[in-house]
Amino acid sequence: MADERPAPELDALRARIDALDRELLALLNRRAAVAQQVGALKRREGSAVFRPERETQVIEGLKEANTGPLADDSVAPIWREIMSACRALEAPTRVAYLGPAGTFSEQA
């Protein structure tokens, strides 16, 4: 039966990944805070929260800057998800429904 304890090298690599994950989380939260500021400015100016051309521009710029080993096809969906989460912070979610109260149409 093989020893189930990971090699010390594996433990060290996992510790590095854990540290990087915490750094990424801190950076993502900093990005989210800036996105909230962007949302406040857009509300004051009456601008649209979602601007697909801006998101395309960001992703294309990241693809150009990407030196790997992550493939561009991996970078794009990661950033789409990050931008989606940040966009959700820019404006509260609004739900509209049609129908009188009590007819369950308000349970959107």
PDB file of N, CA and C in Angstrom:
ATOM      1  N   MET A   1       0.845  -1.186   0.000  1.00  0.00           N
ATOM      2  CA  MET A   1       0.000   0.000   0.000  1.00  0.00           C
ATOM      3  C   MET A   1       0.884   1.240   0.000  1.00  0.00           C
ATOM      4  N   ALA A   2       0.574   2.165  -0.877  1.00  0.00           N
ATOM      5  CA  ALA A   2       1.383   3.373  -1.017  1.00  0.00           C
ATOM      6  C   ALA A   2       1.141   4.317   0.151  1.00  0.00           C
ATOM      7  N   ASP A   3       2.170   5.082   0.459  1.00  0.00           N
ATOM      8  CA  ASP A   3       2.059   6.097   1.508  1.00  0.00           C
ATOM      9  C   ASP A   3       1.103   7.179   1.017  1.00  0.00           C
ATOM     10  N   GLU A   4       0.086   7.492   1.802  1.00  0.00           N
ATOM     11  CA  GLU A   4      -0.918   8.466   1.382  1.00  0.00           C
ATOM     12  C   GLU A   4      -0.557   9.884   1.783  1.00  0.00           C
ATOM     13  N   ARG A   5       0.529  10.063   2.447  1.00  0.00           N
ATOM     14  CA  ARG A   5       0.994  11.397   2.833  1.00  0.00           C
ATOM     15  C   ARG A   5       1.652  12.038   1.615  1.00  0.00           C
ATOM     16  N   PRO A   6       1.215  13.262   1.224  1.00  0.00           N
ATOM     17  CA  PRO A   6       1.833  13.917   0.070  1.00  0.00           C
ATOM     18  C   PRO A   6       3.321  14.189   0.312  1.00  0.00           C
ATOM     19  N   ALA A   7       4.048  14.190  -0.762  1.00  0.00           N
ATOM     20  CA  ALA A   7       5.476  14.498  -0.686  1.00  0.00           C
ATOM     21  C   ALA A   7       5.656  15.924  -0.186  1.00  0.00           C
ATOM     22  N   PRO A   8       6.757  16.196   0.512  1.00  0.00           N
ATOM     23  CA  PRO A   8       6.996  17.563   0.996  1.00  0.00           C
ATOM     24  C   PRO A   8       6.963  18.601  -0.129  1.00  0.00           C
ATOM     25  N   GLU A   9       7.420  18.214  -1.303  1.00  0.00           N
ATOM     26  CA  GLU A   9       7.396  19.153  -2.439  1.00  0.00           C
ATOM     27  C   GLU A   9       5.965  19.517  -2.810  1.00  0.00           C
ATOM     28  N   LEU A  10       5.078  18.521  -2.747  1.00  0.00           N
ATOM     29  CA  LEU A  10       3.672  18.768  -3.054  1.00  0.00           C
ATOM     30  C   LEU A  10       3.058  19.695  -2.012  1.00  0.00           C
ATOM     31  N   ASP A  11       3.370  19.473  -0.755  1.00  0.00           N
ATOM     32  CA  ASP A  11       2.886  20.362   0.307  1.00  0.00           C
ATOM     33  C   ASP A  11       3.357  21.789   0.073  1.00  0.00           C
ATOM     34  N   ALA A  12       4.612  21.950  -0.318  1.00  0.00           N
ATOM     35  CA  ALA A  12       5.169  23.284  -0.561  1.00  0.00           C
ATOM     36  C   ALA A  12       4.470  23.951  -1.742  1.00  0.00           C
ATOM     37  N   LEU A  13       4.236  23.197  -2.808  1.00  0.00           N
ATOM     38  CA  LEU A  13       3.543  23.757  -3.974  1.00  0.00           C
ATOM     39  C   LEU A  13       2.108  24.134  -3.628  1.00  0.00           C
ATOM     40  N   ARG A  14       1.453  23.300  -2.857  1.00  0.00           N
ATOM     41  CA  ARG A  14       0.078  23.621  -2.441  1.00  0.00           C
ATOM     42  C   ARG A  14       0.047  24.864  -1.561  1.00  0.00           C
ATOM     43  N   ALA A  15       1.033  25.019  -0.711  1.00  0.00           N
ATOM     44  CA  ALA A  15       1.110  26.218   0.133  1.00  0.00           C
ATOM     45  C   ALA A  15       1.289  27.459  -0.735  1.00  0.00           C
ATOM     46  N   ARG A  16       2.095  27.354  -1.786  1.00  0.00           N
ATOM     47  CA  ARG A  16       2.273  28.491  -2.704  1.00  0.00           C
ATOM     48  C   ARG A  16       0.965  28.823  -3.408  1.00  0.00           C
ATOM     49  N   ILE A  17       0.248  27.781  -3.844  1.00  0.00           N
ATOM     50  CA  ILE A  17      -1.047  28.010  -4.496  1.00  0.00           C
ATOM     51  C   ILE A  17      -2.022  28.663  -3.523  1.00  0.00           C
ATOM     52  N   ASP A  18      -2.057  28.197  -2.283  1.00  0.00           N
ATOM     53  CA  ASP A  18      -2.942  28.796  -1.275  1.00  0.00           C
ATOM     54  C   ASP A  18      -2.624  30.272  -1.073  1.00  0.00           C
ATOM     55  N   ALA A  19      -1.340  30.606  -1.009  1.00  0.00           N
ATOM     56  CA  ALA A  19      -0.935  32.005  -0.839  1.00  0.00           C
ATOM     57  C   ALA A  19      -1.344  32.832  -2.055  1.00  0.00           C
ATOM     58  N   LEU A  20      -1.145  32.286  -3.246  1.00  0.00           N
ATOM     59  CA  LEU A  20      -1.548  32.993  -4.466  1.00  0.00           C
ATOM     60  C   LEU A  20      -3.060  33.184  -4.515  1.00  0.00           C
ATOM     61  N   ASP A  21      -3.814  32.179  -4.089  1.00  0.00           N
ATOM     62  CA  ASP A  21      -5.272  32.305  -4.056  1.00  0.00           C
ATOM     63  C   ASP A  21      -5.703  33.451  -3.147  1.00  0.00           C
ATOM     64  N   ARG A  22      -5.042  33.600  -2.022  1.00  0.00           N
ATOM     65  CA  ARG A  22      -5.382  34.697  -1.104  1.00  0.00           C
ATOM     66  C   ARG A  22      -5.027  36.052  -1.728  1.00  0.00           C
ATOM     67  N   GLU A  23      -3.904  36.109  -2.437  1.00  0.00           N
ATOM     68  CA  GLU A  23      -3.537  37.346  -3.135  1.00  0.00           C
ATOM     69  C   GLU A  23      -4.560  37.667  -4.217  1.00  0.00           C
ATOM     70  N   LEU A  24      -4.964  36.651  -4.978  1.00  0.00           N
ATOM     71  CA  LEU A  24      -5.979  36.861  -6.011  1.00  0.00           C
ATOM     72  C   LEU A  24      -7.286  37.358  -5.404  1.00  0.00           C
ATOM     73  N   LEU A  25      -7.683  36.767  -4.289  1.00  0.00           N
ATOM     74  CA  LEU A  25      -8.914  37.189  -3.626  1.00  0.00           C
ATOM     75  C   LEU A  25      -8.831  38.649  -3.197  1.00  0.00           C
ATOM     76  N   ALA A  26      -7.701  39.045  -2.635  1.00  0.00           N
ATOM     77  CA  ALA A  26      -7.524  40.442  -2.225  1.00  0.00           C
ATOM     78  C   ALA A  26      -7.609  41.367  -3.437  1.00  0.00           C
ATOM     79  N   LEU A  27      -6.979  40.987  -4.536  1.00  0.00           N
ATOM     80  CA  LEU A  27      -7.029  41.802  -5.753  1.00  0.00           C
ATOM     81  C   LEU A  27      -8.444  41.864  -6.324  1.00  0.00           C
ATOM     82  N   LEU A  28      -9.146  40.743  -6.311  1.00  0.00           N
ATOM     83  CA  LEU A  28     -10.521  40.737  -6.811  1.00  0.00           C
ATOM     84  C   LEU A  28     -11.418  41.629  -5.964  1.00  0.00           C
ATOM     85  N   ASN A  29     -11.217  41.624  -4.661  1.00  0.00           N
ATOM     86  CA  ASN A  29     -12.009  42.505  -3.805  1.00  0.00           C
ATOM     87  C   ASN A  29     -11.664  43.968  -4.037  1.00  0.00           C
ATOM     88  N   ARG A  30     -10.402  44.264  -4.314  1.00  0.00           N
ATOM     89  CA  ARG A  30     -10.029  45.641  -4.667  1.00  0.00           C
ATOM     90  C   ARG A  30     -10.690  46.041  -5.983  1.00  0.00           C
ATOM     91  N   ARG A  31     -10.707  45.130  -6.948  1.00  0.00           N
ATOM     92  CA  ARG A  31     -11.365  45.399  -8.230  1.00  0.00           C
ATOM     93  C   ARG A  31     -12.863  45.633  -8.013  1.00  0.00           C
ATOM     94  N   ALA A  32     -13.477  44.819  -7.156  1.00  0.00           N
ATOM     95  CA  ALA A  32     -14.901  44.958  -6.871  1.00  0.00           C
ATOM     96  C   ALA A  32     -15.210  46.310  -6.236  1.00  0.00           C
ATOM     97  N   ALA A  33     -14.339  46.781  -5.366  1.00  0.00           N
ATOM     98  CA  ALA A  33     -14.544  48.092  -4.736  1.00  0.00           C
ATOM     99  C   ALA A  33     -14.492  49.199  -5.781  1.00  0.00           C
ATOM    100  N   VAL A  34     -13.582  49.086  -6.732  1.00  0.00           N
ATOM    101  CA  VAL A  34     -13.512  50.079  -7.814  1.00  0.00           C
ATOM    102  C   VAL A  34     -14.764  49.982  -8.684  1.00  0.00           C
ATOM    103  N   ALA A  35     -15.242  48.765  -8.939  1.00  0.00           N
ATOM    104  CA  ALA A  35     -16.465  48.589  -9.726  1.00  0.00           C
ATOM    105  C   ALA A  35     -17.654  49.262  -9.037  1.00  0.00           C
ATOM    106  N   GLN A  36     -17.702  49.206  -7.716  1.00  0.00           N
ATOM    107  CA  GLN A  36     -18.770  49.900  -6.994  1.00  0.00           C
ATOM    108  C   GLN A  36     -18.679  51.403  -7.224  1.00  0.00           C
ATOM    109  N   GLN A  37     -17.473  51.940  -7.247  1.00  0.00           N
ATOM    110  CA  GLN A  37     -17.290  53.368  -7.521  1.00  0.00           C
ATOM    111  C   GLN A  37     -17.728  53.694  -8.945  1.00  0.00           C
ATOM    112  N   VAL A  38     -17.396  52.814  -9.885  1.00  0.00           N
ATOM    113  CA  VAL A  38     -17.826  53.001 -11.273  1.00  0.00           C
ATOM    114  C   VAL A  38     -19.349  53.019 -11.337  1.00  0.00           C
ATOM    115  N   GLY A  39     -19.987  52.089 -10.629  1.00  0.00           N
ATOM    116  CA  GLY A  39     -21.442  52.035 -10.616  1.00  0.00           C
ATOM    117  C   GLY A  39     -22.063  53.300 -10.065  1.00  0.00           C
ATOM    118  N   ALA A  40     -21.486  53.835  -9.001  1.00  0.00           N
ATOM    119  CA  ALA A  40     -22.007  55.081  -8.422  1.00  0.00           C
ATOM    120  C   ALA A  40     -21.886  56.222  -9.423  1.00  0.00           C
ATOM    121  N   LEU A  41     -20.769  56.294 -10.114  1.00  0.00           N
ATOM    122  CA  LEU A  41     -20.569  57.342 -11.121  1.00  0.00           C
ATOM    123  C   LEU A  41     -21.549  57.170 -12.278  1.00  0.00           C
ATOM    124  N   LYS A  42     -21.744  55.939 -12.729  1.00  0.00           N
ATOM    125  CA  LYS A  42     -22.687  55.687 -13.822  1.00  0.00           C
ATOM    126  C   LYS A  42     -24.105  56.080 -13.423  1.00  0.00           C
ATOM    127  N   ARG A  43     -24.490  55.793 -12.171  1.00  0.00           N
ATOM    128  CA  ARG A  43     -25.831  56.181 -11.707  1.00  0.00           C
ATOM    129  C   ARG A  43     -25.987  57.694 -11.707  1.00  0.00           C
ATOM    130  N   ARG A  44     -24.947  58.397 -11.245  1.00  0.00           N
ATOM    131  CA  ARG A  44     -25.012  59.873 -11.236  1.00  0.00           C
ATOM    132  C   ARG A  44     -25.143  60.425 -12.647  1.00  0.00           C
ATOM    133  N   GLU A  45     -24.450  59.790 -13.595  1.00  0.00           N
ATOM    134  CA  GLU A  45     -24.462  60.271 -14.978  1.00  0.00           C
ATOM    135  C   GLU A  45     -25.599  59.682 -15.804  1.00  0.00           C
ATOM    136  N   GLY A  46     -26.320  58.719 -15.243  1.00  0.00           N
ATOM    137  CA  GLY A  46     -27.403  58.070 -15.979  1.00  0.00           C
ATOM    138  C   GLY A  46     -26.906  57.130 -17.068  1.00  0.00           C
ATOM    139  N   SER A  47     -25.698  56.608 -16.917  1.00  0.00           N
ATOM    140  CA  SER A  47     -25.114  55.708 -17.915  1.00  0.00           C
ATOM    141  C   SER A  47     -25.571  54.274 -17.682  1.00  0.00           C
ATOM    142  N   ALA A  48     -25.514  53.489 -18.742  1.00  0.00           N
ATOM    143  CA  ALA A  48     -25.852  52.065 -18.652  1.00  0.00           C
ATOM    144  C   ALA A  48     -24.775  51.322 -17.873  1.00  0.00           C
ATOM    145  N   VAL A  49     -25.197  50.360 -17.067  1.00  0.00           N
ATOM    146  CA  VAL A  49     -24.245  49.563 -16.295  1.00  0.00           C
ATOM    147  C   VAL A  49     -23.513  48.590 -17.215  1.00  0.00           C
ATOM    148  N   PHE A  50     -24.244  47.923 -18.092  1.00  0.00           N
ATOM    149  CA  PHE A  50     -23.645  46.910 -18.960  1.00  0.00           C
ATOM    150  C   PHE A  50     -23.250  47.528 -20.292  1.00  0.00           C
ATOM    151  N   ARG A  51     -21.956  47.451 -20.575  1.00  0.00           N
ATOM    152  CA  ARG A  51     -21.435  47.942 -21.856  1.00  0.00           C
ATOM    153  C   ARG A  51     -20.624  46.822 -22.497  1.00  0.00           C
ATOM    154  N   PRO A  52     -21.265  46.026 -23.350  1.00  0.00           N
ATOM    155  CA  PRO A  52     -20.585  44.867 -23.924  1.00  0.00           C
ATOM    156  C   PRO A  52     -19.311  45.226 -24.680  1.00  0.00           C
ATOM    157  N   GLU A  53     -19.293  46.376 -25.321  1.00  0.00           N
ATOM    158  CA  GLU A  53     -18.085  46.767 -26.067  1.00  0.00           C
ATOM    159  C   GLU A  53     -16.905  46.984 -25.127  1.00  0.00           C
ATOM    160  N   ARG A  54     -17.156  47.482 -23.932  1.00  0.00           N
ATOM    161  CA  ARG A  54     -16.090  47.668 -22.945  1.00  0.00           C
ATOM    162  C   ARG A  54     -15.578  46.311 -22.464  1.00  0.00           C
ATOM    163  N   GLU A  55     -16.484  45.391 -22.220  1.00  0.00           N
ATOM    164  CA  GLU A  55     -16.058  44.065 -21.774  1.00  0.00           C
ATOM    165  C   GLU A  55     -15.247  43.355 -22.858  1.00  0.00           C
ATOM    166  N   THR A  56     -15.657  43.500 -24.111  1.00  0.00           N
ATOM    167  CA  THR A  56     -14.891  42.926 -25.222  1.00  0.00           C
ATOM    168  C   THR A  56     -13.507  43.541 -25.278  1.00  0.00           C
ATOM    169  N   GLN A  57     -13.432  44.856 -25.105  1.00  0.00           N
ATOM    170  CA  GLN A  57     -12.149  45.565 -25.120  1.00  0.00           C
ATOM    171  C   GLN A  57     -11.235  45.047 -24.000  1.00  0.00           C
ATOM    172  N   VAL A  58     -11.777  44.864 -22.813  1.00  0.00           N
ATOM    173  CA  VAL A  58     -10.987  44.368 -21.678  1.00  0.00           C
ATOM    174  C   VAL A  58     -10.457  42.967 -21.975  1.00  0.00           C
ATOM    175  N   ILE A  59     -11.331  42.090 -22.438  1.00  0.00           N
ATOM    176  CA  ILE A  59     -10.923  40.707 -22.700  1.00  0.00           C
ATOM    177  C   ILE A  59      -9.891  40.641 -23.820  1.00  0.00           C
ATOM    178  N   GLU A  60     -10.091  41.400 -24.878  1.00  0.00           N
ATOM    179  CA  GLU A  60      -9.115  41.397 -25.978  1.00  0.00           C
ATOM    180  C   GLU A  60      -7.762  41.914 -25.498  1.00  0.00           C
ATOM    181  N   GLY A  61      -7.774  42.941 -24.656  1.00  0.00           N
ATOM    182  CA  GLY A  61      -6.520  43.460 -24.105  1.00  0.00           C
ATOM    183  C   GLY A  61      -5.808  42.435 -23.236  1.00  0.00           C
ATOM    184  N   LEU A  62      -6.582  41.681 -22.466  1.00  0.00           N
ATOM    185  CA  LEU A  62      -5.988  40.640 -21.625  1.00  0.00           C
ATOM    186  C   LEU A  62      -5.423  39.500 -22.464  1.00  0.00           C
ATOM    187  N   LYS A  63      -6.113  39.150 -23.532  1.00  0.00           N
ATOM    188  CA  LYS A  63      -5.595  38.106 -24.424  1.00  0.00           C
ATOM    189  C   LYS A  63      -4.259  38.540 -25.030  1.00  0.00           C
ATOM    190  N   GLU A  64      -4.175  39.800 -25.427  1.00  0.00           N
ATOM    191  CA  GLU A  64      -2.921  40.307 -25.998  1.00  0.00           C
ATOM    192  C   GLU A  64      -1.799  40.297 -24.966  1.00  0.00           C
ATOM    193  N   ALA A  65      -2.134  40.565 -23.715  1.00  0.00           N
ATOM    194  CA  ALA A  65      -1.126  40.616 -22.653  1.00  0.00           C
ATOM    195  C   ALA A  65      -0.778  39.228 -22.110  1.00  0.00           C
ATOM    196  N   ASN A  66      -1.596  38.240 -22.415  1.00  0.00           N
ATOM    197  CA  ASN A  66      -1.415  36.899 -21.863  1.00  0.00           C
ATOM    198  C   ASN A  66      -0.166  36.228 -22.438  1.00  0.00           C
ATOM    199  N   THR A  67       0.732  35.844 -21.548  1.00  0.00           N
ATOM    200  CA  THR A  67       1.946  35.140 -21.965  1.00  0.00           C
ATOM    201  C   THR A  67       1.912  33.667 -21.560  1.00  0.00           C
ATOM    202  N   GLY A  68       0.789  33.206 -21.006  1.00  0.00           N
ATOM    203  CA  GLY A  68       0.643  31.806 -20.646  1.00  0.00           C
ATOM    204  C   GLY A  68       1.210  31.503 -19.279  1.00  0.00           C
ATOM    205  N   PRO A  69       1.064  30.326 -18.816  1.00  0.00           N
ATOM    206  CA  PRO A  69       0.638  29.140 -19.546  1.00  0.00           C
ATOM    207  C   PRO A  69      -0.872  29.015 -19.749  1.00  0.00           C
ATOM    208  N   LEU A  70      -1.681  29.890 -19.158  1.00  0.00           N
ATOM    209  CA  LEU A  70      -3.123  29.828 -19.410  1.00  0.00           C
ATOM    210  C   LEU A  70      -3.397  30.176 -20.868  1.00  0.00           C
ATOM    211  N   ALA A  71      -4.272  29.403 -21.496  1.00  0.00           N
ATOM    212  CA  ALA A  71      -4.678  29.677 -22.873  1.00  0.00           C
ATOM    213  C   ALA A  71      -5.668  30.836 -22.881  1.00  0.00           C
ATOM    214  N   ASP A  72      -5.675  31.576 -23.982  1.00  0.00           N
ATOM    215  CA  ASP A  72      -6.637  32.672 -24.128  1.00  0.00           C
ATOM    216  C   ASP A  72      -8.067  32.174 -23.939  1.00  0.00           C
ATOM    217  N   ASP A  73      -8.334  30.954 -24.403  1.00  0.00           N
ATOM    218  CA  ASP A  73      -9.673  30.381 -24.255  1.00  0.00           C
ATOM    219  C   ASP A  73     -10.039  30.128 -22.797  1.00  0.00           C
ATOM    220  N   SER A  74      -9.051  30.097 -21.924  1.00  0.00           N
ATOM    221  CA  SER A  74      -9.311  29.976 -20.485  1.00  0.00           C
ATOM    222  C   SER A  74      -9.427  31.349 -19.835  1.00  0.00           C
ATOM    223  N   VAL A  75      -8.628  32.295 -20.302  1.00  0.00           N
ATOM    224  CA  VAL A  75      -8.618  33.640 -19.718  1.00  0.00           C
ATOM    225  C   VAL A  75      -9.962  34.332 -19.932  1.00  0.00           C
ATOM    226  N   ALA A  76     -10.506  34.234 -21.128  1.00  0.00           N
ATOM    227  CA  ALA A  76     -11.741  34.952 -21.458  1.00  0.00           C
ATOM    228  C   ALA A  76     -12.904  34.593 -20.532  1.00  0.00           C
ATOM    229  N   PRO A  77     -13.235  33.316 -20.323  1.00  0.00           N
ATOM    230  CA  PRO A  77     -14.374  33.030 -19.434  1.00  0.00           C
ATOM    231  C   PRO A  77     -14.116  33.390 -17.976  1.00  0.00           C
ATOM    232  N   ILE A  78     -12.861  33.306 -17.554  1.00  0.00           N
ATOM    233  CA  ILE A  78     -12.541  33.713 -16.181  1.00  0.00           C
ATOM    234  C   ILE A  78     -12.870  35.189 -16.017  1.00  0.00           C
ATOM    235  N   TRP A  79     -12.430  36.015 -16.974  1.00  0.00           N
ATOM    236  CA  TRP A  79     -12.675  37.451 -16.854  1.00  0.00           C
ATOM    237  C   TRP A  79     -14.133  37.802 -17.075  1.00  0.00           C
ATOM    238  N   ARG A  80     -14.828  37.065 -17.913  1.00  0.00           N
ATOM    239  CA  ARG A  80     -16.265  37.324 -18.058  1.00  0.00           C
ATOM    240  C   ARG A  80     -16.975  37.122 -16.721  1.00  0.00           C
ATOM    241  N   GLU A  81     -16.590  36.086 -16.002  1.00  0.00           N
ATOM    242  CA  GLU A  81     -17.206  35.817 -14.698  1.00  0.00           C
ATOM    243  C   GLU A  81     -16.839  36.899 -13.683  1.00  0.00           C
ATOM    244  N   ILE A  82     -15.581  37.322 -13.689  1.00  0.00           N
ATOM    245  CA  ILE A  82     -15.147  38.396 -12.789  1.00  0.00           C
ATOM    246  C   ILE A  82     -15.930  39.667 -13.088  1.00  0.00           C
ATOM    247  N   MET A  83     -16.039  40.016 -14.378  1.00  0.00           N
ATOM    248  CA  MET A  83     -16.763  41.235 -14.744  1.00  0.00           C
ATOM    249  C   MET A  83     -18.245  41.118 -14.412  1.00  0.00           C
ATOM    250  N   SER A  84     -18.817  39.942 -14.561  1.00  0.00           N
ATOM    251  CA  SER A  84     -20.218  39.740 -14.214  1.00  0.00           C
ATOM    252  C   SER A  84     -20.446  39.958 -12.719  1.00  0.00           C
ATOM    253  N   ALA A  85     -19.562  39.401 -11.902  1.00  0.00           N
ATOM    254  CA  ALA A  85     -19.684  39.577 -10.451  1.00  0.00           C
ATOM    255  C   ALA A  85     -19.524  41.041 -10.066  1.00  0.00           C
ATOM    256  N   CYS A  86     -18.591  41.729 -10.700  1.00  0.00           N
ATOM    257  CA  CYS A  86     -18.380  43.148 -10.394  1.00  0.00           C
ATOM    258  C   CYS A  86     -19.540  43.998 -10.905  1.00  0.00           C
ATOM    259  N   ARG A  87     -20.076  43.638 -12.074  1.00  0.00           N
ATOM    260  CA  ARG A  87     -21.214  44.380 -12.625  1.00  0.00           C
ATOM    261  C   ARG A  87     -22.410  44.268 -11.684  1.00  0.00           C
ATOM    262  N   ALA A  88     -22.571  43.120 -11.044  1.00  0.00           N
ATOM    263  CA  ALA A  88     -23.675  42.935 -10.097  1.00  0.00           C
ATOM    264  C   ALA A  88     -23.555  43.892  -8.918  1.00  0.00           C
ATOM    265  N   LEU A  89     -22.339  44.335  -8.612  1.00  0.00           N
ATOM    266  CA  LEU A  89     -22.130  45.288  -7.521  1.00  0.00           C
ATOM    267  C   LEU A  89     -22.393  46.728  -7.952  1.00  0.00           C
ATOM    268  N   GLU A  90     -22.388  46.967  -9.263  1.00  0.00           N
ATOM    269  CA  GLU A  90     -22.565  48.331  -9.763  1.00  0.00           C
ATOM    270  C   GLU A  90     -23.986  48.831  -9.600  1.00  0.00           C
ATOM    271  N   ALA A  91     -24.959  47.929  -9.668  1.00  0.00           N
ATOM    272  CA  ALA A  91     -26.358  48.343  -9.556  1.00  0.00           C
ATOM    273  C   ALA A  91     -27.149  47.209  -8.923  1.00  0.00           C
ATOM    274  N   PRO A  92     -28.136  47.544  -8.111  1.00  0.00           N
ATOM    275  CA  PRO A  92     -28.956  46.491  -7.510  1.00  0.00           C
ATOM    276  C   PRO A  92     -29.755  45.754  -8.585  1.00  0.00           C
ATOM    277  N   THR A  93     -30.029  44.483  -8.336  1.00  0.00           N
ATOM    278  CA  THR A  93     -30.837  43.694  -9.259  1.00  0.00           C
ATOM    279  C   THR A  93     -32.281  44.148  -9.168  1.00  0.00           C
ATOM    280  N   ARG A  94     -32.892  44.349 -10.331  1.00  0.00           N
ATOM    281  CA  ARG A  94     -34.294  44.756 -10.365  1.00  0.00           C
ATOM    282  C   ARG A  94     -35.085  43.680 -11.078  1.00  0.00           C
ATOM    283  N   VAL A  95     -36.239  43.358 -10.515  1.00  0.00           N
ATOM    284  CA  VAL A  95     -37.111  42.353 -11.107  1.00  0.00           C
ATOM    285  C   VAL A  95     -38.479  42.980 -11.300  1.00  0.00           C
ATOM    286  N   ALA A  96     -39.035  42.807 -12.485  1.00  0.00           N
ATOM    287  CA  ALA A  96     -40.379  43.307 -12.774  1.00  0.00           C
ATOM    288  C   ALA A  96     -41.300  42.109 -12.990  1.00  0.00           C
ATOM    289  N   TYR A  97     -42.554  42.285 -12.649  1.00  0.00           N
ATOM    290  CA  TYR A  97     -43.511  41.208 -12.882  1.00  0.00           C
ATOM    291  C   TYR A  97     -44.818  41.813 -13.333  1.00  0.00           C
ATOM    292  N   LEU A  98     -45.605  41.001 -14.006  1.00  0.00           N
ATOM    293  CA  LEU A  98     -46.892  41.428 -14.513  1.00  0.00           C
ATOM    294  C   LEU A  98     -47.963  40.573 -13.856  1.00  0.00           C
ATOM    295  N   GLY A  99     -48.930  41.204 -13.292  1.00  0.00           N
ATOM    296  CA  GLY A  99     -50.033  40.457 -12.688  1.00  0.00           C
ATOM    297  C   GLY A  99     -50.339  40.968 -11.300  1.00  0.00           C
ATOM    298  N   PRO A 100     -51.549  40.736 -10.845  1.00  0.00           N
ATOM    299  CA  PRO A 100     -51.935  41.206  -9.516  1.00  0.00           C
ATOM    300  C   PRO A 100     -51.290  40.374  -8.416  1.00  0.00           C
ATOM    301  N   ALA A 101     -51.106  41.002  -7.277  1.00  0.00           N
ATOM    302  CA  ALA A 101     -50.553  40.303  -6.116  1.00  0.00           C
ATOM    303  C   ALA A 101     -51.454  39.133  -5.757  1.00  0.00           C
ATOM    304  N   GLY A 102     -50.840  38.057  -5.302  1.00  0.00           N
ATOM    305  CA  GLY A 102     -51.607  36.889  -4.899  1.00  0.00           C
ATOM    306  C   GLY A 102     -51.814  35.873  -6.008  1.00  0.00           C
ATOM    307  N   THR A 103     -51.374  36.184  -7.211  1.00  0.00           N
ATOM    308  CA  THR A 103     -51.529  35.235  -8.328  1.00  0.00           C
ATOM    309  C   THR A 103     -50.214  34.534  -8.646  1.00  0.00           C
ATOM    310  N   PHE A 104     -49.255  34.684  -7.765  1.00  0.00           N
ATOM    311  CA  PHE A 104     -47.940  34.052  -7.856  1.00  0.00           C
ATOM    312  C   PHE A 104     -47.062  34.602  -8.978  1.00  0.00           C
ATOM    313  N   SER A 105     -47.570  35.531  -9.756  1.00  0.00           N
ATOM    314  CA  SER A 105     -46.722  36.105 -10.803  1.00  0.00           C
ATOM    315  C   SER A 105     -45.646  36.999 -10.206  1.00  0.00           C
ATOM    316  N   GLU A 106     -45.836  37.430  -8.948  1.00  0.00           N
ATOM    317  CA  GLU A 106     -44.825  38.274  -8.308  1.00  0.00           C
ATOM    318  C   GLU A 106     -43.663  37.451  -7.758  1.00  0.00           C
ATOM    319  N   GLN A 107     -43.728  36.137  -7.829  1.00  0.00           N
ATOM    320  CA  GLN A 107     -42.656  35.284  -7.327  1.00  0.00           C
ATOM    321  C   GLN A 107     -41.635  35.026  -8.429  1.00  0.00           C
ATOM    322  N   ALA A 108     -41.092  36.097  -8.935  1.00  0.00           N
ATOM    323  CA  ALA A 108     -40.101  35.983 -10.019  1.00  0.00           C
ATOM    324  C   ALA A 108     -38.760  35.594  -9.464  1.00  0.00           C
TER     325      ALA A 108
END
